[in-house]
């Protein structure tokens, strides 16, 4: 059994999760604009998840992305680097060619950096923006460790 404190160490994030479990209500999204501006995501349709699974899902299904934001996050396998993440993003880009979303939502991705320390999320997001901004679509960040994302 895992402790809720391990994944939600702060009291406010635990309160948020407990409130969701008690009410089932998803709060308004708090996002950070990284490239282009989005005012609100609360009414937007969102699809996606882990880079590997999302690439597979979109490659095997006929999900139309034009009216959806594509959520992307990547959790490490020990030893993965930014170069490995770039490979996964390149694969995703090949799959969405001709089926572009309204924009991208970056989740709380995790990679190991030097000396096996978890890399700063800002460093990861900066690289992901660099790799995705060629599409000239909004790119925002939502810490999905602290917020519930409603997928549709």
N, C-alpha and C. Protein backbone atom coordinates (compact mmCIF):
# COMPACT_ATOMS: atom_id res chain seq x y z
N UNK A 1 0.85 -1.18 0.00
CA UNK A 1 0.00 0.00 0.00
C UNK A 1 0.89 1.24 0.00
N UNK A 2 0.59 2.21 -0.87
CA UNK A 2 1.35 3.45 -0.95
C UNK A 2 0.70 4.51 -0.05
N UNK A 3 1.51 5.41 0.44
CA UNK A 3 1.01 6.51 1.25
C UNK A 3 0.65 7.68 0.34
N UNK A 4 -0.50 8.29 0.59
CA UNK A 4 -0.92 9.45 -0.20
C UNK A 4 0.11 10.57 -0.08
N UNK A 5 0.83 10.62 1.05
CA UNK A 5 1.83 11.66 1.26
C UNK A 5 3.01 11.51 0.31
N UNK A 6 3.26 10.28 -0.19
CA UNK A 6 4.37 10.07 -1.12
C UNK A 6 4.13 10.79 -2.44
N UNK A 7 2.89 10.78 -2.93
CA UNK A 7 2.56 11.40 -4.21
C UNK A 7 1.99 12.81 -4.06
N UNK A 8 1.46 13.10 -2.90
CA UNK A 8 0.90 14.43 -2.62
C UNK A 8 1.47 14.91 -1.29
N UNK A 9 2.75 15.35 -1.30
CA UNK A 9 3.40 15.70 -0.03
C UNK A 9 2.85 16.95 0.64
N UNK A 10 2.25 17.86 -0.12
CA UNK A 10 1.77 19.08 0.51
C UNK A 10 0.32 18.92 0.96
N UNK A 11 -0.03 19.57 2.03
CA UNK A 11 -1.39 19.51 2.56
C UNK A 11 -2.40 20.03 1.54
N UNK A 12 -2.14 21.17 0.83
CA UNK A 12 -3.12 21.64 -0.16
C UNK A 12 -3.40 20.62 -1.28
N UNK A 13 -2.37 19.91 -1.76
CA UNK A 13 -2.62 18.95 -2.83
C UNK A 13 -3.39 17.74 -2.30
N UNK A 14 -3.16 17.35 -1.06
CA UNK A 14 -3.94 16.25 -0.48
C UNK A 14 -5.40 16.67 -0.31
N UNK A 15 -5.61 17.91 0.15
CA UNK A 15 -6.98 18.40 0.33
C UNK A 15 -7.72 18.41 -1.01
N UNK A 16 -7.01 18.82 -2.06
CA UNK A 16 -7.60 18.86 -3.40
C UNK A 16 -8.03 17.45 -3.82
N UNK A 17 -7.15 16.47 -3.62
CA UNK A 17 -7.46 15.10 -4.01
C UNK A 17 -8.61 14.53 -3.18
N UNK A 18 -8.59 14.77 -1.89
CA UNK A 18 -9.66 14.27 -1.02
C UNK A 18 -11.00 14.90 -1.42
N UNK A 19 -10.99 16.19 -1.71
CA UNK A 19 -12.22 16.87 -2.14
C UNK A 19 -12.75 16.23 -3.42
N UNK A 20 -11.84 15.93 -4.37
CA UNK A 20 -12.28 15.28 -5.61
C UNK A 20 -12.87 13.91 -5.31
N UNK A 21 -12.22 13.13 -4.46
CA UNK A 21 -12.72 11.79 -4.14
C UNK A 21 -14.09 11.85 -3.43
N UNK A 22 -14.32 12.90 -2.65
CA UNK A 22 -15.58 13.03 -1.95
C UNK A 22 -16.70 13.54 -2.84
N UNK A 23 -16.38 14.47 -3.76
CA UNK A 23 -17.43 15.12 -4.56
C UNK A 23 -17.46 14.68 -6.02
N UNK A 24 -16.34 14.21 -6.54
CA UNK A 24 -16.26 13.86 -7.96
C UNK A 24 -16.16 15.07 -8.86
N UNK A 25 -16.07 16.26 -8.27
CA UNK A 25 -16.04 17.50 -9.05
C UNK A 25 -14.60 17.85 -9.43
N UNK A 26 -14.40 18.15 -10.70
CA UNK A 26 -13.08 18.56 -11.19
C UNK A 26 -13.02 20.08 -11.16
N UNK A 27 -12.01 20.59 -10.50
CA UNK A 27 -11.81 22.03 -10.39
C UNK A 27 -11.40 22.62 -11.74
N UNK A 28 -11.50 23.93 -11.85
CA UNK A 28 -11.02 24.60 -13.07
C UNK A 28 -9.52 24.34 -13.21
N UNK A 29 -9.11 24.15 -14.47
CA UNK A 29 -7.69 23.89 -14.72
C UNK A 29 -6.86 25.14 -14.46
N UNK A 30 -5.74 24.93 -13.80
CA UNK A 30 -4.74 25.98 -13.62
C UNK A 30 -3.60 25.60 -14.55
N UNK A 31 -3.42 26.38 -15.60
CA UNK A 31 -2.39 26.05 -16.57
C UNK A 31 -1.41 27.20 -16.73
N UNK A 32 -0.28 26.88 -17.29
CA UNK A 32 0.75 27.86 -17.59
C UNK A 32 0.94 27.87 -19.10
N UNK A 33 0.77 29.03 -19.73
CA UNK A 33 1.01 29.15 -21.16
C UNK A 33 2.51 29.09 -21.42
N UNK A 34 2.92 28.20 -22.33
CA UNK A 34 4.33 28.06 -22.68
C UNK A 34 4.62 28.59 -24.08
N UNK A 35 3.65 28.45 -24.98
CA UNK A 35 3.79 28.94 -26.35
C UNK A 35 2.40 29.27 -26.83
N UNK A 36 2.18 30.51 -27.21
CA UNK A 36 0.85 31.03 -27.55
C UNK A 36 0.00 31.00 -26.29
N UNK A 37 -1.10 31.69 -26.31
CA UNK A 37 -1.90 31.85 -25.10
C UNK A 37 -3.25 31.14 -25.21
N UNK A 38 -3.62 30.49 -24.13
CA UNK A 38 -4.94 29.88 -24.00
C UNK A 38 -5.55 30.47 -22.74
N UNK A 39 -6.76 30.98 -22.86
CA UNK A 39 -7.40 31.60 -21.70
C UNK A 39 -7.91 30.56 -20.72
N UNK A 40 -8.63 29.55 -21.23
CA UNK A 40 -9.19 28.52 -20.36
C UNK A 40 -9.23 27.19 -21.11
N UNK A 41 -9.05 26.13 -20.37
CA UNK A 41 -9.15 24.77 -20.92
C UNK A 41 -10.36 24.03 -20.37
N UNK A 42 -11.14 24.70 -19.53
CA UNK A 42 -12.20 24.03 -18.79
C UNK A 42 -13.26 23.37 -19.66
N UNK A 43 -13.53 23.92 -20.82
CA UNK A 43 -14.55 23.34 -21.71
C UNK A 43 -13.95 22.56 -22.86
N UNK A 44 -12.64 22.43 -22.89
CA UNK A 44 -11.97 21.76 -24.01
C UNK A 44 -12.00 20.24 -23.86
N UNK A 45 -12.06 19.56 -24.99
CA UNK A 45 -11.92 18.11 -25.02
C UNK A 45 -10.42 17.80 -25.00
N UNK A 46 -10.04 16.84 -24.17
CA UNK A 46 -8.63 16.49 -24.01
C UNK A 46 -8.48 14.98 -24.22
N UNK A 47 -7.44 14.61 -24.95
CA UNK A 47 -7.13 13.20 -25.19
C UNK A 47 -5.62 13.04 -25.06
N UNK A 48 -5.17 11.86 -24.67
CA UNK A 48 -3.73 11.62 -24.63
C UNK A 48 -3.29 11.01 -23.33
N UNK A 49 -2.00 11.15 -23.05
CA UNK A 49 -1.39 10.58 -21.86
C UNK A 49 0.09 10.38 -22.08
N UNK A 50 0.59 9.28 -21.59
CA UNK A 50 2.01 8.97 -21.71
C UNK A 50 2.40 8.92 -23.18
N UNK A 51 3.58 9.45 -23.51
CA UNK A 51 4.00 9.57 -24.92
C UNK A 51 3.92 8.23 -25.66
N UNK A 52 4.42 7.18 -25.06
CA UNK A 52 4.43 5.88 -25.72
C UNK A 52 3.02 5.38 -25.98
N UNK A 53 2.17 5.42 -24.96
CA UNK A 53 0.79 4.92 -25.10
C UNK A 53 -0.03 5.80 -26.03
N UNK A 54 0.16 7.11 -25.96
CA UNK A 54 -0.57 8.02 -26.84
C UNK A 54 -0.20 7.79 -28.30
N UNK A 55 1.08 7.62 -28.56
CA UNK A 55 1.52 7.37 -29.94
C UNK A 55 0.90 6.07 -30.45
N UNK A 56 0.91 5.03 -29.64
CA UNK A 56 0.31 3.76 -30.03
C UNK A 56 -1.19 3.92 -30.25
N UNK A 57 -1.88 4.58 -29.31
CA UNK A 57 -3.33 4.76 -29.38
C UNK A 57 -3.71 5.52 -30.65
N UNK A 58 -3.03 6.62 -30.93
CA UNK A 58 -3.38 7.43 -32.10
C UNK A 58 -3.01 6.72 -33.39
N UNK A 59 -1.98 5.90 -33.37
CA UNK A 59 -1.59 5.16 -34.55
C UNK A 59 -2.55 4.03 -34.88
N UNK A 60 -3.24 3.52 -33.86
CA UNK A 60 -4.12 2.36 -34.05
C UNK A 60 -5.60 2.72 -34.12
N UNK A 61 -5.96 3.94 -33.79
CA UNK A 61 -7.37 4.34 -33.80
C UNK A 61 -7.56 5.49 -34.78
N UNK A 62 -8.79 5.89 -34.93
CA UNK A 62 -9.09 7.00 -35.83
C UNK A 62 -9.64 8.19 -35.03
N UNK A 63 -8.99 8.50 -33.93
CA UNK A 63 -9.42 9.64 -33.11
C UNK A 63 -9.09 10.92 -33.86
N UNK A 64 -10.12 11.72 -34.12
CA UNK A 64 -9.94 13.00 -34.80
C UNK A 64 -9.50 14.03 -33.75
N UNK A 65 -8.34 14.62 -33.95
CA UNK A 65 -7.78 15.55 -32.97
C UNK A 65 -8.16 17.00 -33.19
N UNK A 66 -8.78 17.34 -34.31
CA UNK A 66 -8.96 18.76 -34.66
C UNK A 66 -9.72 19.57 -33.62
N UNK A 67 -10.60 18.94 -32.85
CA UNK A 67 -11.36 19.65 -31.82
C UNK A 67 -10.89 19.30 -30.41
N UNK A 68 -9.68 18.77 -30.31
CA UNK A 68 -9.17 18.34 -29.00
C UNK A 68 -7.77 18.88 -28.74
N UNK A 69 -7.45 19.02 -27.47
CA UNK A 69 -6.08 19.28 -27.06
C UNK A 69 -5.43 17.93 -26.80
N UNK A 70 -4.18 17.80 -27.17
CA UNK A 70 -3.45 16.56 -26.98
C UNK A 70 -2.58 16.68 -25.73
N UNK A 71 -2.88 15.84 -24.74
CA UNK A 71 -2.14 15.82 -23.48
C UNK A 71 -0.95 14.88 -23.64
N UNK A 72 0.23 15.35 -23.27
CA UNK A 72 1.45 14.57 -23.39
C UNK A 72 2.23 14.63 -22.08
N UNK A 73 2.61 13.47 -21.58
CA UNK A 73 3.49 13.41 -20.43
C UNK A 73 4.36 12.17 -20.57
N UNK A 74 5.50 12.21 -19.93
CA UNK A 74 6.43 11.08 -20.06
C UNK A 74 7.06 10.81 -18.71
N UNK A 75 6.93 9.58 -18.25
CA UNK A 75 7.58 9.17 -17.01
C UNK A 75 8.75 8.28 -17.36
N UNK A 76 9.80 8.50 -16.68
CA UNK A 76 11.09 7.90 -16.96
C UNK A 76 11.14 6.40 -16.76
N UNK A 77 12.06 5.85 -17.49
CA UNK A 77 12.61 4.53 -17.20
C UNK A 77 14.04 4.86 -16.80
N UNK A 78 14.55 4.36 -15.69
CA UNK A 78 15.91 4.74 -15.30
C UNK A 78 16.89 4.69 -16.47
N UNK A 79 17.60 5.79 -16.64
CA UNK A 79 18.59 5.89 -17.71
C UNK A 79 18.10 6.68 -18.91
N UNK A 80 16.77 6.96 -19.00
CA UNK A 80 16.28 7.75 -20.13
C UNK A 80 16.74 9.19 -20.01
N UNK A 81 16.97 9.79 -21.15
CA UNK A 81 17.46 11.17 -21.19
C UNK A 81 16.53 12.01 -22.07
N UNK A 82 16.89 13.28 -22.22
CA UNK A 82 16.13 14.14 -23.12
C UNK A 82 16.18 13.62 -24.55
N UNK A 83 17.28 13.01 -24.94
CA UNK A 83 17.38 12.45 -26.29
C UNK A 83 16.36 11.32 -26.48
N UNK A 84 16.16 10.52 -25.45
CA UNK A 84 15.16 9.45 -25.52
C UNK A 84 13.76 10.05 -25.64
N UNK A 85 13.48 11.08 -24.86
CA UNK A 85 12.19 11.75 -24.94
C UNK A 85 11.98 12.34 -26.33
N UNK A 86 13.02 12.92 -26.90
CA UNK A 86 12.91 13.49 -28.25
C UNK A 86 12.51 12.41 -29.25
N UNK A 87 13.05 11.21 -29.09
CA UNK A 87 12.67 10.10 -29.96
C UNK A 87 11.17 9.83 -29.87
N UNK A 88 10.64 9.77 -28.64
CA UNK A 88 9.20 9.52 -28.47
C UNK A 88 8.37 10.64 -29.07
N UNK A 89 8.81 11.88 -28.92
CA UNK A 89 8.08 13.01 -29.50
C UNK A 89 8.14 12.94 -31.03
N UNK A 90 9.28 12.57 -31.59
CA UNK A 90 9.38 12.41 -33.04
C UNK A 90 8.41 11.35 -33.55
N UNK A 91 8.28 10.24 -32.82
CA UNK A 91 7.33 9.19 -33.21
C UNK A 91 5.90 9.72 -33.15
N UNK A 92 5.59 10.47 -32.11
CA UNK A 92 4.26 11.06 -31.97
C UNK A 92 3.98 12.02 -33.12
N UNK A 93 4.97 12.82 -33.49
CA UNK A 93 4.80 13.78 -34.59
C UNK A 93 4.50 13.07 -35.91
N UNK A 94 5.09 11.92 -36.12
CA UNK A 94 4.81 11.16 -37.35
C UNK A 94 3.36 10.67 -37.34
N UNK A 95 2.86 10.27 -36.19
CA UNK A 95 1.50 9.74 -36.09
C UNK A 95 0.45 10.83 -36.25
N UNK A 96 0.71 12.04 -35.76
CA UNK A 96 -0.31 13.10 -35.84
C UNK A 96 -0.23 13.91 -37.13
N UNK A 97 0.73 13.61 -37.97
CA UNK A 97 0.84 14.30 -39.26
C UNK A 97 -0.49 14.15 -40.00
N UNK A 98 -1.10 15.27 -40.37
CA UNK A 98 -2.39 15.23 -41.05
C UNK A 98 -3.57 15.10 -40.11
N UNK A 99 -3.35 15.09 -38.82
CA UNK A 99 -4.41 14.99 -37.81
C UNK A 99 -4.01 15.84 -36.61
N UNK A 100 -3.92 17.15 -36.83
CA UNK A 100 -3.40 18.05 -35.81
C UNK A 100 -4.44 18.40 -34.75
N UNK A 101 -4.00 18.47 -33.49
CA UNK A 101 -4.89 18.88 -32.41
C UNK A 101 -5.04 20.41 -32.38
N UNK A 102 -5.92 20.89 -31.49
CA UNK A 102 -6.08 22.34 -31.29
C UNK A 102 -4.86 22.92 -30.59
N UNK A 103 -4.17 22.09 -29.85
CA UNK A 103 -3.00 22.52 -29.10
C UNK A 103 -2.49 21.36 -28.27
N UNK A 104 -1.43 21.63 -27.53
CA UNK A 104 -0.79 20.59 -26.72
C UNK A 104 -0.83 20.99 -25.25
N UNK A 105 -1.10 20.01 -24.41
CA UNK A 105 -1.00 20.19 -22.96
C UNK A 105 0.13 19.28 -22.49
N UNK A 106 1.13 19.87 -21.89
CA UNK A 106 2.23 19.10 -21.33
C UNK A 106 1.91 18.81 -19.87
N UNK A 107 2.04 17.55 -19.50
CA UNK A 107 1.84 17.16 -18.11
C UNK A 107 3.17 17.20 -17.37
N UNK A 108 3.17 16.66 -16.19
CA UNK A 108 4.38 16.65 -15.35
C UNK A 108 5.26 15.47 -15.75
N UNK A 109 6.08 15.67 -16.77
CA UNK A 109 6.99 14.62 -17.22
C UNK A 109 8.17 14.51 -16.27
N UNK A 110 8.77 13.32 -16.23
CA UNK A 110 9.90 13.09 -15.34
C UNK A 110 11.00 12.33 -16.07
N UNK A 111 12.21 12.82 -15.96
CA UNK A 111 13.39 12.17 -16.50
C UNK A 111 14.52 12.31 -15.49
N UNK A 112 15.50 11.45 -15.61
CA UNK A 112 16.70 11.57 -14.78
C UNK A 112 17.73 12.40 -15.52
N UNK A 113 18.41 13.27 -14.79
CA UNK A 113 19.50 14.06 -15.35
C UNK A 113 20.82 13.52 -14.86
N UNK A 114 21.77 14.43 -14.74
CA UNK A 114 23.10 14.04 -14.26
C UNK A 114 23.03 13.47 -12.85
N UNK A 115 23.90 12.52 -12.57
CA UNK A 115 24.00 11.89 -11.26
C UNK A 115 22.68 11.27 -10.80
N UNK A 116 21.87 10.84 -11.77
CA UNK A 116 20.59 10.16 -11.51
C UNK A 116 19.60 11.00 -10.70
N UNK A 117 19.71 12.32 -10.80
CA UNK A 117 18.75 13.20 -10.13
C UNK A 117 17.59 13.49 -11.07
N UNK A 118 16.41 13.60 -10.50
CA UNK A 118 15.25 13.91 -11.32
C UNK A 118 15.43 15.31 -11.91
N UNK A 119 15.23 15.39 -13.22
CA UNK A 119 15.44 16.62 -13.97
C UNK A 119 14.34 17.63 -13.66
N UNK A 120 14.69 18.89 -13.66
CA UNK A 120 13.75 19.97 -13.42
C UNK A 120 12.68 19.98 -14.52
N UNK A 121 11.42 20.08 -14.13
CA UNK A 121 10.31 20.06 -15.09
C UNK A 121 10.42 21.20 -16.09
N UNK A 122 10.94 22.34 -15.69
CA UNK A 122 11.10 23.48 -16.61
C UNK A 122 12.04 23.14 -17.76
N UNK A 123 13.10 22.40 -17.46
CA UNK A 123 14.06 21.98 -18.49
C UNK A 123 13.38 21.05 -19.49
N UNK A 124 12.60 20.12 -18.99
CA UNK A 124 11.89 19.17 -19.86
C UNK A 124 10.88 19.92 -20.73
N UNK A 125 10.08 20.78 -20.11
CA UNK A 125 9.06 21.51 -20.86
C UNK A 125 9.67 22.44 -21.91
N UNK A 126 10.78 23.07 -21.58
CA UNK A 126 11.44 23.95 -22.54
C UNK A 126 11.82 23.17 -23.80
N UNK A 127 12.35 21.98 -23.63
CA UNK A 127 12.73 21.13 -24.77
C UNK A 127 11.49 20.69 -25.54
N UNK A 128 10.44 20.31 -24.82
CA UNK A 128 9.23 19.85 -25.51
C UNK A 128 8.60 20.98 -26.33
N UNK A 129 8.62 22.19 -25.79
CA UNK A 129 8.12 23.35 -26.55
C UNK A 129 8.97 23.53 -27.80
N UNK A 130 10.26 23.43 -27.65
CA UNK A 130 11.18 23.55 -28.79
C UNK A 130 10.83 22.54 -29.89
N UNK A 131 10.49 21.33 -29.50
CA UNK A 131 10.18 20.27 -30.46
C UNK A 131 8.79 20.39 -31.07
N UNK A 132 7.85 21.06 -30.38
CA UNK A 132 6.46 21.12 -30.84
C UNK A 132 6.03 22.47 -31.42
N UNK A 133 6.78 23.52 -31.17
CA UNK A 133 6.32 24.85 -31.59
C UNK A 133 6.28 25.03 -33.11
N UNK A 134 6.91 24.13 -33.86
CA UNK A 134 6.87 24.22 -35.32
C UNK A 134 5.44 24.18 -35.85
N UNK A 135 4.51 23.63 -35.07
CA UNK A 135 3.11 23.54 -35.49
C UNK A 135 2.35 24.84 -35.27
N UNK A 136 2.95 25.79 -34.55
CA UNK A 136 2.34 27.08 -34.27
C UNK A 136 0.98 26.93 -33.57
N UNK A 137 0.90 25.95 -32.68
CA UNK A 137 -0.29 25.70 -31.89
C UNK A 137 0.00 26.03 -30.43
N UNK A 138 -1.05 26.36 -29.66
CA UNK A 138 -0.81 26.63 -28.23
C UNK A 138 -0.19 25.42 -27.53
N UNK A 139 0.73 25.71 -26.63
CA UNK A 139 1.34 24.68 -25.79
C UNK A 139 1.26 25.19 -24.36
N UNK A 140 0.59 24.43 -23.51
CA UNK A 140 0.42 24.82 -22.11
C UNK A 140 0.91 23.69 -21.21
N UNK A 141 1.09 24.02 -19.94
CA UNK A 141 1.52 23.03 -18.94
C UNK A 141 0.48 22.95 -17.85
N UNK A 142 0.10 21.72 -17.50
CA UNK A 142 -0.74 21.46 -16.33
C UNK A 142 -0.02 20.39 -15.51
N UNK A 143 0.20 20.67 -14.25
CA UNK A 143 0.81 19.67 -13.37
C UNK A 143 -0.26 18.64 -13.02
N UNK A 144 -0.30 17.56 -13.77
CA UNK A 144 -1.35 16.56 -13.57
C UNK A 144 -1.11 15.71 -12.32
N UNK A 145 -0.01 15.97 -11.61
CA UNK A 145 0.17 15.34 -10.30
C UNK A 145 -0.66 16.08 -9.25
N UNK A 146 -1.01 17.33 -9.55
CA UNK A 146 -1.74 18.15 -8.59
C UNK A 146 -3.14 18.51 -9.06
N UNK A 147 -3.50 18.12 -10.28
CA UNK A 147 -4.82 18.39 -10.82
C UNK A 147 -5.35 17.16 -11.53
N UNK A 148 -6.63 16.97 -11.50
CA UNK A 148 -7.27 15.88 -12.21
C UNK A 148 -7.57 16.36 -13.62
N UNK A 149 -7.19 15.57 -14.62
CA UNK A 149 -7.48 15.91 -16.02
C UNK A 149 -8.67 15.07 -16.47
N UNK A 150 -9.66 15.72 -17.04
CA UNK A 150 -10.84 15.04 -17.56
C UNK A 150 -10.59 14.76 -19.05
N UNK A 151 -10.57 13.50 -19.42
CA UNK A 151 -10.35 13.12 -20.82
C UNK A 151 -11.67 12.86 -21.51
N UNK A 152 -11.72 13.18 -22.81
CA UNK A 152 -12.94 12.92 -23.58
C UNK A 152 -12.59 12.41 -24.96
